[in-house]
Amino acid sequence: VYMEPRALGLEPLFKSWIESQPPAVEAHKEKLEMLFHALVPRSLAFTHKKLSELVPSTPNSLTLSLFRLMDALLTHLRTYDAASLSKLSEETLEHQSNIITPTFVFSIV
C-alpha cells in the first residue's frame, strides 16, 4: 500500500533512524526523542512560514537532512559497541551525554 510521505508524518522517520543507531547513540534515545518532538515541528513550521526558500523543500527531506548531519557529527560514537560502552568511565559517558543536545541543535539549524 502506497502512502504519501506527508500522510506518514515524521514519527516513522525518527523511529527508523533511532533504531539504526549504534548503542552509544541509542543510549540517549529518550533525550533525542524529547528534542525531536520539541524542536522539529516548530522548526519546520518556522522554515515554511517565515523563510523564503530558493528551492522548495518538504518536511520529510529536511528531517532526513537533520538525521544525516547527526550521523556525520556522531561518527566517533559508532566505534563503541555494547560491550565497550559498559567499560567507559563515568566522565566519558557524561561527555557523550552532554554533546547530544548541542549536536542536535546544530544539526537542526
N, C-alpha and C. Protein backbone atom coordinates (compact mmCIF):
# COMPACT_ATOMS: atom_id res chain seq x y z
N VAL A 1 0.86 -1.16 0.00
CA VAL A 1 0.00 0.00 0.00
C VAL A 1 0.90 1.22 0.00
N TYR A 2 0.66 2.10 -0.94
CA TYR A 2 1.44 3.32 -1.04
C TYR A 2 0.78 4.43 -0.25
N MET A 3 1.58 5.15 0.50
CA MET A 3 1.08 6.32 1.23
C MET A 3 1.93 7.51 0.87
N GLU A 4 1.31 8.65 0.76
CA GLU A 4 2.04 9.88 0.52
C GLU A 4 2.98 10.13 1.71
N PRO A 5 4.19 10.61 1.46
CA PRO A 5 5.10 10.89 2.57
C PRO A 5 4.53 11.83 3.62
N ARG A 6 3.75 12.82 3.19
CA ARG A 6 3.14 13.74 4.16
C ARG A 6 2.14 13.03 5.06
N ALA A 7 1.48 12.01 4.53
CA ALA A 7 0.49 11.28 5.32
C ALA A 7 1.15 10.46 6.43
N LEU A 8 2.38 10.03 6.20
CA LEU A 8 3.10 9.25 7.21
C LEU A 8 3.48 10.11 8.40
N GLY A 9 3.85 11.33 8.15
CA GLY A 9 4.35 12.19 9.22
C GLY A 9 5.83 11.95 9.46
N LEU A 10 6.33 12.51 10.53
CA LEU A 10 7.77 12.46 10.81
C LEU A 10 8.15 11.36 11.79
N GLU A 11 7.20 10.89 12.56
CA GLU A 11 7.50 9.88 13.59
C GLU A 11 8.14 8.61 13.02
N PRO A 12 7.65 8.04 11.90
CA PRO A 12 8.31 6.86 11.35
C PRO A 12 9.76 7.13 10.94
N LEU A 13 10.04 8.34 10.49
CA LEU A 13 11.42 8.68 10.15
C LEU A 13 12.31 8.64 11.38
N PHE A 14 11.83 9.22 12.47
CA PHE A 14 12.60 9.22 13.71
C PHE A 14 12.82 7.80 14.22
N LYS A 15 11.76 7.01 14.25
CA LYS A 15 11.88 5.64 14.76
C LYS A 15 12.85 4.81 13.93
N SER A 16 12.77 4.97 12.63
CA SER A 16 13.68 4.25 11.75
C SER A 16 15.12 4.68 11.98
N TRP A 17 15.33 5.98 12.14
CA TRP A 17 16.68 6.50 12.35
C TRP A 17 17.25 6.04 13.69
N ILE A 18 16.48 6.15 14.75
CA ILE A 18 16.99 5.80 16.08
C ILE A 18 17.28 4.31 16.18
N GLU A 19 16.51 3.49 15.50
CA GLU A 19 16.75 2.05 15.53
C GLU A 19 18.01 1.66 14.75
N SER A 20 18.45 2.52 13.86
CA SER A 20 19.65 2.23 13.07
C SER A 20 20.93 2.71 13.75
N GLN A 21 20.79 3.32 14.92
CA GLN A 21 21.93 3.90 15.60
C GLN A 21 22.69 2.87 16.44
N PRO A 22 23.98 3.10 16.64
CA PRO A 22 24.76 2.20 17.50
C PRO A 22 24.36 2.39 18.96
N PRO A 23 24.76 1.46 19.81
CA PRO A 23 24.36 1.53 21.22
C PRO A 23 24.73 2.84 21.91
N ALA A 24 25.85 3.45 21.54
CA ALA A 24 26.28 4.68 22.20
C ALA A 24 25.33 5.84 21.91
N VAL A 25 24.69 5.83 20.78
CA VAL A 25 23.71 6.87 20.45
C VAL A 25 22.34 6.45 20.94
N GLU A 26 22.00 5.20 20.77
CA GLU A 26 20.69 4.71 21.19
C GLU A 26 20.50 4.82 22.70
N ALA A 27 21.61 4.88 23.45
CA ALA A 27 21.53 5.05 24.89
C ALA A 27 20.88 6.39 25.26
N HIS A 28 20.88 7.32 24.34
CA HIS A 28 20.30 8.65 24.56
C HIS A 28 18.96 8.81 23.84
N LYS A 29 18.28 7.70 23.64
CA LYS A 29 17.03 7.69 22.88
C LYS A 29 15.99 8.64 23.47
N GLU A 30 15.81 8.62 24.77
CA GLU A 30 14.78 9.46 25.40
C GLU A 30 15.09 10.94 25.18
N LYS A 31 16.35 11.31 25.35
CA LYS A 31 16.74 12.71 25.15
C LYS A 31 16.55 13.12 23.70
N LEU A 32 16.94 12.27 22.78
CA LEU A 32 16.77 12.57 21.36
C LEU A 32 15.30 12.66 20.98
N GLU A 33 14.50 11.78 21.54
CA GLU A 33 13.06 11.81 21.25
C GLU A 33 12.43 13.10 21.78
N MET A 34 12.83 13.52 22.97
CA MET A 34 12.32 14.76 23.54
C MET A 34 12.74 15.95 22.67
N LEU A 35 13.99 15.98 22.25
CA LEU A 35 14.47 17.06 21.38
C LEU A 35 13.74 17.06 20.05
N PHE A 36 13.54 15.88 19.50
CA PHE A 36 12.86 15.75 18.22
C PHE A 36 11.45 16.33 18.30
N HIS A 37 10.70 15.92 19.31
CA HIS A 37 9.31 16.37 19.43
C HIS A 37 9.21 17.85 19.82
N ALA A 38 10.19 18.34 20.55
CA ALA A 38 10.15 19.74 20.98
C ALA A 38 10.60 20.71 19.88
N LEU A 39 11.57 20.31 19.07
CA LEU A 39 12.18 21.25 18.14
C LEU A 39 11.81 21.08 16.68
N VAL A 40 11.66 19.87 16.23
CA VAL A 40 11.47 19.64 14.79
C VAL A 40 10.17 20.24 14.25
N PRO A 41 9.01 19.97 14.85
CA PRO A 41 7.78 20.55 14.28
C PRO A 41 7.80 22.07 14.24
N ARG A 42 8.31 22.69 15.30
CA ARG A 42 8.37 24.16 15.34
C ARG A 42 9.37 24.70 14.32
N SER A 43 10.48 24.03 14.18
CA SER A 43 11.48 24.47 13.21
C SER A 43 10.96 24.35 11.78
N LEU A 44 10.27 23.27 11.50
CA LEU A 44 9.70 23.10 10.17
C LEU A 44 8.62 24.14 9.89
N ALA A 45 7.78 24.41 10.87
CA ALA A 45 6.75 25.43 10.70
C ALA A 45 7.38 26.80 10.46
N PHE A 46 8.41 27.11 11.22
CA PHE A 46 9.10 28.39 11.04
C PHE A 46 9.73 28.47 9.65
N THR A 47 10.37 27.40 9.23
CA THR A 47 11.03 27.38 7.92
C THR A 47 10.04 27.63 6.80
N HIS A 48 8.91 26.99 6.86
CA HIS A 48 7.94 27.10 5.76
C HIS A 48 7.09 28.37 5.81
N LYS A 49 6.92 28.94 7.00
CA LYS A 49 6.07 30.12 7.11
C LYS A 49 6.85 31.43 7.08
N LYS A 50 8.05 31.45 7.64
CA LYS A 50 8.77 32.70 7.82
C LYS A 50 9.96 32.88 6.89
N LEU A 51 10.46 31.82 6.29
CA LEU A 51 11.63 31.92 5.44
C LEU A 51 11.24 31.70 3.98
N SER A 52 12.01 32.32 3.10
CA SER A 52 11.77 32.05 1.68
C SER A 52 12.86 31.09 1.21
N GLU A 53 12.44 30.04 0.57
CA GLU A 53 13.36 29.01 0.10
C GLU A 53 13.60 29.18 -1.39
N LEU A 54 14.85 29.11 -1.79
CA LEU A 54 15.16 29.17 -3.22
C LEU A 54 14.69 27.90 -3.92
N VAL A 55 14.85 26.79 -3.22
CA VAL A 55 14.39 25.50 -3.73
C VAL A 55 13.38 24.96 -2.72
N PRO A 56 12.15 24.74 -3.12
CA PRO A 56 11.16 24.24 -2.17
C PRO A 56 11.59 22.90 -1.55
N SER A 57 11.27 22.74 -0.28
CA SER A 57 11.62 21.51 0.43
C SER A 57 10.37 20.95 1.10
N THR A 58 10.48 19.71 1.50
CA THR A 58 9.38 19.07 2.22
C THR A 58 9.83 18.79 3.65
N PRO A 59 8.90 18.66 4.56
CA PRO A 59 9.27 18.35 5.94
C PRO A 59 10.09 17.05 6.05
N ASN A 60 9.73 16.05 5.26
CA ASN A 60 10.48 14.78 5.31
C ASN A 60 11.91 14.95 4.87
N SER A 61 12.14 15.70 3.81
CA SER A 61 13.52 15.86 3.33
C SER A 61 14.36 16.68 4.31
N LEU A 62 13.77 17.68 4.94
CA LEU A 62 14.51 18.46 5.94
C LEU A 62 14.82 17.61 7.17
N THR A 63 13.89 16.77 7.55
CA THR A 63 14.11 15.89 8.70
C THR A 63 15.20 14.87 8.40
N LEU A 64 15.19 14.32 7.20
CA LEU A 64 16.26 13.38 6.82
C LEU A 64 17.61 14.07 6.78
N SER A 65 17.64 15.33 6.38
CA SER A 65 18.90 16.09 6.40
C SER A 65 19.40 16.26 7.83
N LEU A 66 18.49 16.50 8.75
CA LEU A 66 18.85 16.58 10.17
C LEU A 66 19.52 15.29 10.62
N PHE A 67 18.92 14.16 10.27
CA PHE A 67 19.47 12.87 10.69
C PHE A 67 20.82 12.60 10.04
N ARG A 68 21.00 12.98 8.81
CA ARG A 68 22.29 12.78 8.14
C ARG A 68 23.39 13.61 8.81
N LEU A 69 23.06 14.84 9.18
CA LEU A 69 24.03 15.67 9.91
C LEU A 69 24.36 15.05 11.26
N MET A 70 23.34 14.58 11.96
CA MET A 70 23.58 13.93 13.25
C MET A 70 24.51 12.73 13.08
N ASP A 71 24.26 11.92 12.06
CA ASP A 71 25.11 10.76 11.80
C ASP A 71 26.55 11.19 11.57
N ALA A 72 26.74 12.23 10.79
CA ALA A 72 28.09 12.70 10.48
C ALA A 72 28.79 13.24 11.72
N LEU A 73 28.07 13.96 12.55
CA LEU A 73 28.68 14.58 13.72
C LEU A 73 28.89 13.60 14.88
N LEU A 74 28.19 12.49 14.84
CA LEU A 74 28.33 11.50 15.92
C LEU A 74 29.08 10.25 15.47
N THR A 75 29.87 10.36 14.41
CA THR A 75 30.60 9.19 13.93
C THR A 75 31.55 8.62 14.98
N HIS A 76 32.10 9.47 15.83
CA HIS A 76 33.02 8.97 16.86
C HIS A 76 32.31 8.02 17.84
N LEU A 77 31.00 8.13 17.97
CA LEU A 77 30.28 7.23 18.87
C LEU A 77 30.01 5.87 18.23
N ARG A 78 30.19 5.76 16.94
CA ARG A 78 29.95 4.49 16.25
C ARG A 78 31.02 3.45 16.58
N THR A 79 32.12 3.87 17.17
CA THR A 79 33.21 2.94 17.49
C THR A 79 32.91 2.10 18.74
N TYR A 80 31.89 2.49 19.50
CA TYR A 80 31.56 1.78 20.74
C TYR A 80 30.44 0.78 20.51
N ASP A 81 30.74 -0.48 20.78
CA ASP A 81 29.66 -1.47 20.77
C ASP A 81 29.14 -1.60 22.20
N ALA A 82 28.19 -2.45 22.42
CA ALA A 82 27.56 -2.57 23.75
C ALA A 82 28.57 -2.98 24.82
N ALA A 83 29.50 -3.87 24.48
CA ALA A 83 30.48 -4.33 25.46
C ALA A 83 31.46 -3.22 25.85
N SER A 84 31.98 -2.50 24.85
CA SER A 84 32.95 -1.45 25.16
C SER A 84 32.27 -0.24 25.80
N LEU A 85 31.00 -0.05 25.54
CA LEU A 85 30.27 1.06 26.13
C LEU A 85 30.15 0.89 27.64
N SER A 86 29.99 -0.34 28.09
CA SER A 86 29.85 -0.59 29.52
C SER A 86 31.17 -0.41 30.27
N LYS A 87 32.28 -0.39 29.55
CA LYS A 87 33.59 -0.25 30.19
C LYS A 87 34.08 1.20 30.24
N LEU A 88 33.32 2.12 29.66
CA LEU A 88 33.74 3.52 29.64
C LEU A 88 33.62 4.15 31.01
N SER A 89 34.47 5.13 31.26
CA SER A 89 34.43 5.83 32.54
C SER A 89 33.17 6.69 32.62
N GLU A 90 32.82 7.04 33.83
CA GLU A 90 31.64 7.89 34.06
C GLU A 90 31.83 9.26 33.38
N GLU A 91 33.05 9.74 33.40
CA GLU A 91 33.35 11.04 32.77
C GLU A 91 33.12 11.00 31.26
N THR A 92 33.53 9.93 30.62
CA THR A 92 33.33 9.78 29.17
C THR A 92 31.86 9.66 28.84
N LEU A 93 31.13 8.89 29.64
CA LEU A 93 29.69 8.75 29.41
C LEU A 93 28.97 10.08 29.60
N GLU A 94 29.40 10.86 30.58
CA GLU A 94 28.79 12.17 30.81
C GLU A 94 29.10 13.11 29.65
N HIS A 95 30.32 13.04 29.15
CA HIS A 95 30.70 13.87 27.99
C HIS A 95 29.82 13.52 26.78
N GLN A 96 29.63 12.24 26.55
CA GLN A 96 28.77 11.82 25.43
C GLN A 96 27.36 12.34 25.61
N SER A 97 26.85 12.29 26.81
CA SER A 97 25.50 12.78 27.08
C SER A 97 25.42 14.29 26.87
N ASN A 98 26.48 14.99 27.24
CA ASN A 98 26.48 16.45 27.13
C ASN A 98 26.57 16.95 25.69
N ILE A 99 27.05 16.14 24.77
CA ILE A 99 27.17 16.62 23.39
C ILE A 99 25.93 16.34 22.54
N ILE A 100 25.01 15.55 23.05
CA ILE A 100 23.82 15.20 22.27
C ILE A 100 22.97 16.42 21.96
N THR A 101 22.62 17.21 22.96
CA THR A 101 21.75 18.37 22.74
C THR A 101 22.38 19.41 21.83
N PRO A 102 23.63 19.85 22.07
CA PRO A 102 24.21 20.82 21.13
C PRO A 102 24.35 20.29 19.71
N THR A 103 24.63 19.02 19.57
CA THR A 103 24.75 18.43 18.24
C THR A 103 23.41 18.43 17.53
N PHE A 104 22.35 18.13 18.26
CA PHE A 104 21.01 18.12 17.68
C PHE A 104 20.62 19.54 17.26
N VAL A 105 20.86 20.51 18.13
CA VAL A 105 20.51 21.89 17.80
C VAL A 105 21.31 22.39 16.62
N PHE A 106 22.60 22.08 16.56
CA PHE A 106 23.42 22.47 15.42
C PHE A 106 22.88 21.84 14.13
N SER A 107 22.50 20.59 14.20
CA SER A 107 22.02 19.88 13.02
C SER A 107 20.68 20.41 12.53
N ILE A 108 19.87 20.86 13.42
CA ILE A 108 18.54 21.34 13.02
C ILE A 108 18.61 22.73 12.41
N VAL A 109 19.63 23.48 12.79
CA VAL A 109 19.77 24.83 12.23
C VAL A 109 20.37 24.73 10.86
